[in-house]
Amino acid sequence: MNDLSTLITRLPNDVGGQPAGPLDRSEHELLPWEKRCHALADVLDFRKIINTEEKRRGVEALGSEQIGKLGYYERWIVAFANILFQKGLLTPAELAVRMQAVEERQRSSE
């Protein structure tokens, strides 16, 4: 396959065979927000709001630069938000209000 066909067919998170540093294969405990993110993915799928394929495409739509900057579950969260915006189920303003409420709860519990 030549370089042009690779650019056309390779998706942003398809990094197999590409030069990279060593992988950290150590097990780690998920942070509470990561567990909630995974649970959210399960609920969205169970409720038939966002399925696994839509999530995968949503992550790929972020592009190589964002995929490289964001962590695994951060990609999921951004993809979920974008998909919900596209489906008209959530607006950026509604998300901002909810995020502010979470920040306020966090501050009041400190």
C-alpha atoms as a PDB file:
ATOM      1  CA  MET A   1       0.000   0.000   0.000  1.00  0.00           C
ATOM      2  CA  ASN A   2       1.438   3.406  -0.899  1.00  0.00           C
ATOM      3  CA  ASP A   3       1.409   6.485   1.350  1.00  0.00           C
ATOM      4  CA  LEU A   4      -1.654   8.037  -0.296  1.00  0.00           C
ATOM      5  CA  SER A   5      -3.807   4.937   0.086  1.00  0.00           C
ATOM      6  CA  THR A   6      -2.670   4.621   3.709  1.00  0.00           C
ATOM      7  CA  LEU A   7      -3.792   8.183   4.418  1.00  0.00           C
ATOM      8  CA  ILE A   8      -7.153   7.492   2.838  1.00  0.00           C
ATOM      9  CA  THR A   9      -7.849   4.174   4.546  1.00  0.00           C
ATOM     10  CA  ARG A  10      -6.195   4.568   7.963  1.00  0.00           C
ATOM     11  CA  LEU A  11      -8.449   6.048  10.642  1.00  0.00           C
ATOM     12  CA  PRO A  12      -7.003   8.419  13.269  1.00  0.00           C
ATOM     13  CA  ASN A  13      -6.859   5.844  16.056  1.00  0.00           C
ATOM     14  CA  ASP A  14      -5.587   3.062  13.781  1.00  0.00           C
ATOM     15  CA  VAL A  15      -1.978   3.198  14.897  1.00  0.00           C
ATOM     16  CA  GLY A  16      -1.066  -0.468  14.491  1.00  0.00           C
ATOM     17  CA  GLY A  17       2.344  -0.901  12.892  1.00  0.00           C
ATOM     18  CA  GLN A  18       3.231   2.781  13.281  1.00  0.00           C
ATOM     19  CA  PRO A  19       6.392   3.882  15.087  1.00  0.00           C
ATOM     20  CA  ALA A  20       5.713   4.477  18.770  1.00  0.00           C
ATOM     21  CA  GLY A  21       7.256   4.194  22.174  1.00  0.00           C
ATOM     22  CA  PRO A  22       6.757   1.260  24.516  1.00  0.00           C
ATOM     23  CA  LEU A  23       3.279   0.482  25.794  1.00  0.00           C
ATOM     24  CA  ASP A  24       2.540   0.664  29.496  1.00  0.00           C
ATOM     25  CA  ARG A  25       0.763  -2.633  30.095  1.00  0.00           C
ATOM     26  CA  SER A  26       0.594  -2.307  33.858  1.00  0.00           C
ATOM     27  CA  GLU A  27      -2.815  -2.687  35.466  1.00  0.00           C
ATOM     28  CA  HIS A  28      -4.131   0.378  37.224  1.00  0.00           C
ATOM     29  CA  GLU A  29      -7.168   1.135  39.298  1.00  0.00           C
ATOM     30  CA  LEU A  30      -9.703   3.206  37.401  1.00  0.00           C
ATOM     31  CA  LEU A  31     -10.396   6.613  38.850  1.00  0.00           C
ATOM     32  CA  PRO A  32     -13.979   7.239  40.006  1.00  0.00           C
ATOM     33  CA  TRP A  33     -14.740   9.470  36.992  1.00  0.00           C
ATOM     34  CA  GLU A  34     -13.418   6.771  34.632  1.00  0.00           C
ATOM     35  CA  LYS A  35     -15.740   4.203  36.229  1.00  0.00           C
ATOM     36  CA  ARG A  36     -18.651   6.611  35.836  1.00  0.00           C
ATOM     37  CA  CYS A  37     -17.707   7.198  32.204  1.00  0.00           C
ATOM     38  CA  HIS A  38     -17.715   3.460  31.538  1.00  0.00           C
ATOM     39  CA  ALA A  39     -21.072   3.121  33.311  1.00  0.00           C
ATOM     40  CA  LEU A  40     -22.417   6.012  31.229  1.00  0.00           C
ATOM     41  CA  ALA A  41     -21.354   4.212  28.051  1.00  0.00           C
ATOM     42  CA  ASP A  42     -23.241   1.126  29.216  1.00  0.00           C
ATOM     43  CA  VAL A  43     -26.375   3.138  30.030  1.00  0.00           C
ATOM     44  CA  LEU A  44     -26.282   5.025  26.719  1.00  0.00           C
ATOM     45  CA  ASP A  45     -25.981   1.712  24.883  1.00  0.00           C
ATOM     46  CA  PHE A  46     -28.671  -0.034  26.968  1.00  0.00           C
ATOM     47  CA  ARG A  47     -31.064   2.867  26.386  1.00  0.00           C
ATOM     48  CA  LYS A  48     -30.211   2.772  22.663  1.00  0.00           C
ATOM     49  CA  ILE A  49     -29.006   6.381  22.704  1.00  0.00           C
ATOM     50  CA  ILE A  50     -25.384   5.781  21.631  1.00  0.00           C
ATOM     51  CA  ASN A  51     -24.172   2.352  20.593  1.00  0.00           C
ATOM     52  CA  THR A  52     -20.625   1.037  20.518  1.00  0.00           C
ATOM     53  CA  GLU A  53     -20.209   1.720  16.799  1.00  0.00           C
ATOM     54  CA  GLU A  54     -21.365   5.325  17.179  1.00  0.00           C
ATOM     55  CA  LYS A  55     -18.933   5.761  20.079  1.00  0.00           C
ATOM     56  CA  ARG A  56     -16.075   4.366  17.972  1.00  0.00           C
ATOM     57  CA  ARG A  57     -16.936   6.676  15.069  1.00  0.00           C
ATOM     58  CA  GLY A  58     -17.313   9.578  17.504  1.00  0.00           C
ATOM     59  CA  VAL A  59     -13.804   8.995  18.836  1.00  0.00           C
ATOM     60  CA  GLU A  60     -12.397   8.683  15.304  1.00  0.00           C
ATOM     61  CA  ALA A  61     -14.121  11.934  14.335  1.00  0.00           C
ATOM     62  CA  LEU A  62     -11.992  13.732  16.929  1.00  0.00           C
ATOM     63  CA  GLY A  63      -9.030  13.420  14.572  1.00  0.00           C
ATOM     64  CA  SER A  64      -5.447  12.420  15.178  1.00  0.00           C
ATOM     65  CA  GLU A  65      -4.432  15.572  17.029  1.00  0.00           C
ATOM     66  CA  GLN A  66      -7.198  15.393  19.647  1.00  0.00           C
ATOM     67  CA  ILE A  67      -6.893  11.630  19.983  1.00  0.00           C
ATOM     68  CA  GLY A  68      -3.205  12.119  20.733  1.00  0.00           C
ATOM     69  CA  LYS A  69      -3.902  14.765  23.394  1.00  0.00           C
ATOM     70  CA  LEU A  70      -6.789  13.117  25.200  1.00  0.00           C
ATOM     71  CA  GLY A  71      -6.718  10.097  27.460  1.00  0.00           C
ATOM     72  CA  TYR A  72      -8.798   6.987  26.776  1.00  0.00           C
ATOM     73  CA  TYR A  73     -11.904   7.965  28.749  1.00  0.00           C
ATOM     74  CA  GLU A  74     -11.497  11.643  27.898  1.00  0.00           C
ATOM     75  CA  ARG A  75     -11.987  10.644  24.248  1.00  0.00           C
ATOM     76  CA  TRP A  76     -15.156   8.812  25.185  1.00  0.00           C
ATOM     77  CA  ILE A  77     -16.589  11.807  27.047  1.00  0.00           C
ATOM     78  CA  VAL A  78     -15.901  14.237  24.206  1.00  0.00           C
ATOM     79  CA  ALA A  79     -17.331  11.777  21.673  1.00  0.00           C
ATOM     80  CA  PHE A  80     -20.476  11.276  23.794  1.00  0.00           C
ATOM     81  CA  ALA A  81     -21.002  15.029  24.063  1.00  0.00           C
ATOM     82  CA  ASN A  82     -20.546  15.563  20.326  1.00  0.00           C
ATOM     83  CA  ILE A  83     -22.936  12.728  19.463  1.00  0.00           C
ATOM     84  CA  LEU A  84     -25.570  13.993  21.898  1.00  0.00           C
ATOM     85  CA  PHE A  85     -25.213  17.493  20.403  1.00  0.00           C
ATOM     86  CA  GLN A  86     -25.620  16.075  16.877  1.00  0.00           C
ATOM     87  CA  LYS A  87     -28.721  14.125  17.905  1.00  0.00           C
ATOM     88  CA  GLY A  88     -30.228  17.214  19.532  1.00  0.00           C
ATOM     89  CA  LEU A  89     -30.446  15.475  22.914  1.00  0.00           C
ATOM     90  CA  LEU A  90     -28.119  17.925  24.649  1.00  0.00           C
ATOM     91  CA  THR A  91     -26.902  21.427  23.877  1.00  0.00           C
ATOM     92  CA  PRO A  92     -23.520  22.898  24.746  1.00  0.00           C
ATOM     93  CA  ALA A  93     -25.313  25.389  27.023  1.00  0.00           C
ATOM     94  CA  GLU A  94     -27.100  22.599  28.904  1.00  0.00           C
ATOM     95  CA  LEU A  95     -23.823  20.741  29.312  1.00  0.00           C
ATOM     96  CA  ALA A  96     -22.132  23.890  30.621  1.00  0.00           C
ATOM     97  CA  VAL A  97     -24.879  24.367  33.244  1.00  0.00           C
ATOM     98  CA  ARG A  98     -24.569  20.746  34.370  1.00  0.00           C
ATOM     99  CA  MET A  99     -20.784  20.964  34.522  1.00  0.00           C
ATOM    100  CA  GLN A 100     -21.026  24.121  36.627  1.00  0.00           C
ATOM    101  CA  ALA A 101     -23.394  22.331  39.040  1.00  0.00           C
ATOM    102  CA  VAL A 102     -20.895  19.490  39.405  1.00  0.00           C
ATOM    103  CA  GLU A 103     -18.078  21.978  40.088  1.00  0.00           C
ATOM    104  CA  GLU A 104     -20.190  23.698  42.747  1.00  0.00           C
ATOM    105  CA  ARG A 105     -21.003  20.368  44.431  1.00  0.00           C
ATOM    106  CA  GLN A 106     -17.308  19.498  44.381  1.00  0.00           C
ATOM    107  CA  ARG A 107     -16.329  22.834  45.944  1.00  0.00           C
ATOM    108  CA  SER A 108     -18.986  22.558  48.661  1.00  0.00           C
ATOM    109  CA  SER A 109     -17.811  19.069  49.633  1.00  0.00           C
ATOM    110  CA  GLU A 110     -14.169  20.147  50.100  1.00  0.00           C
END
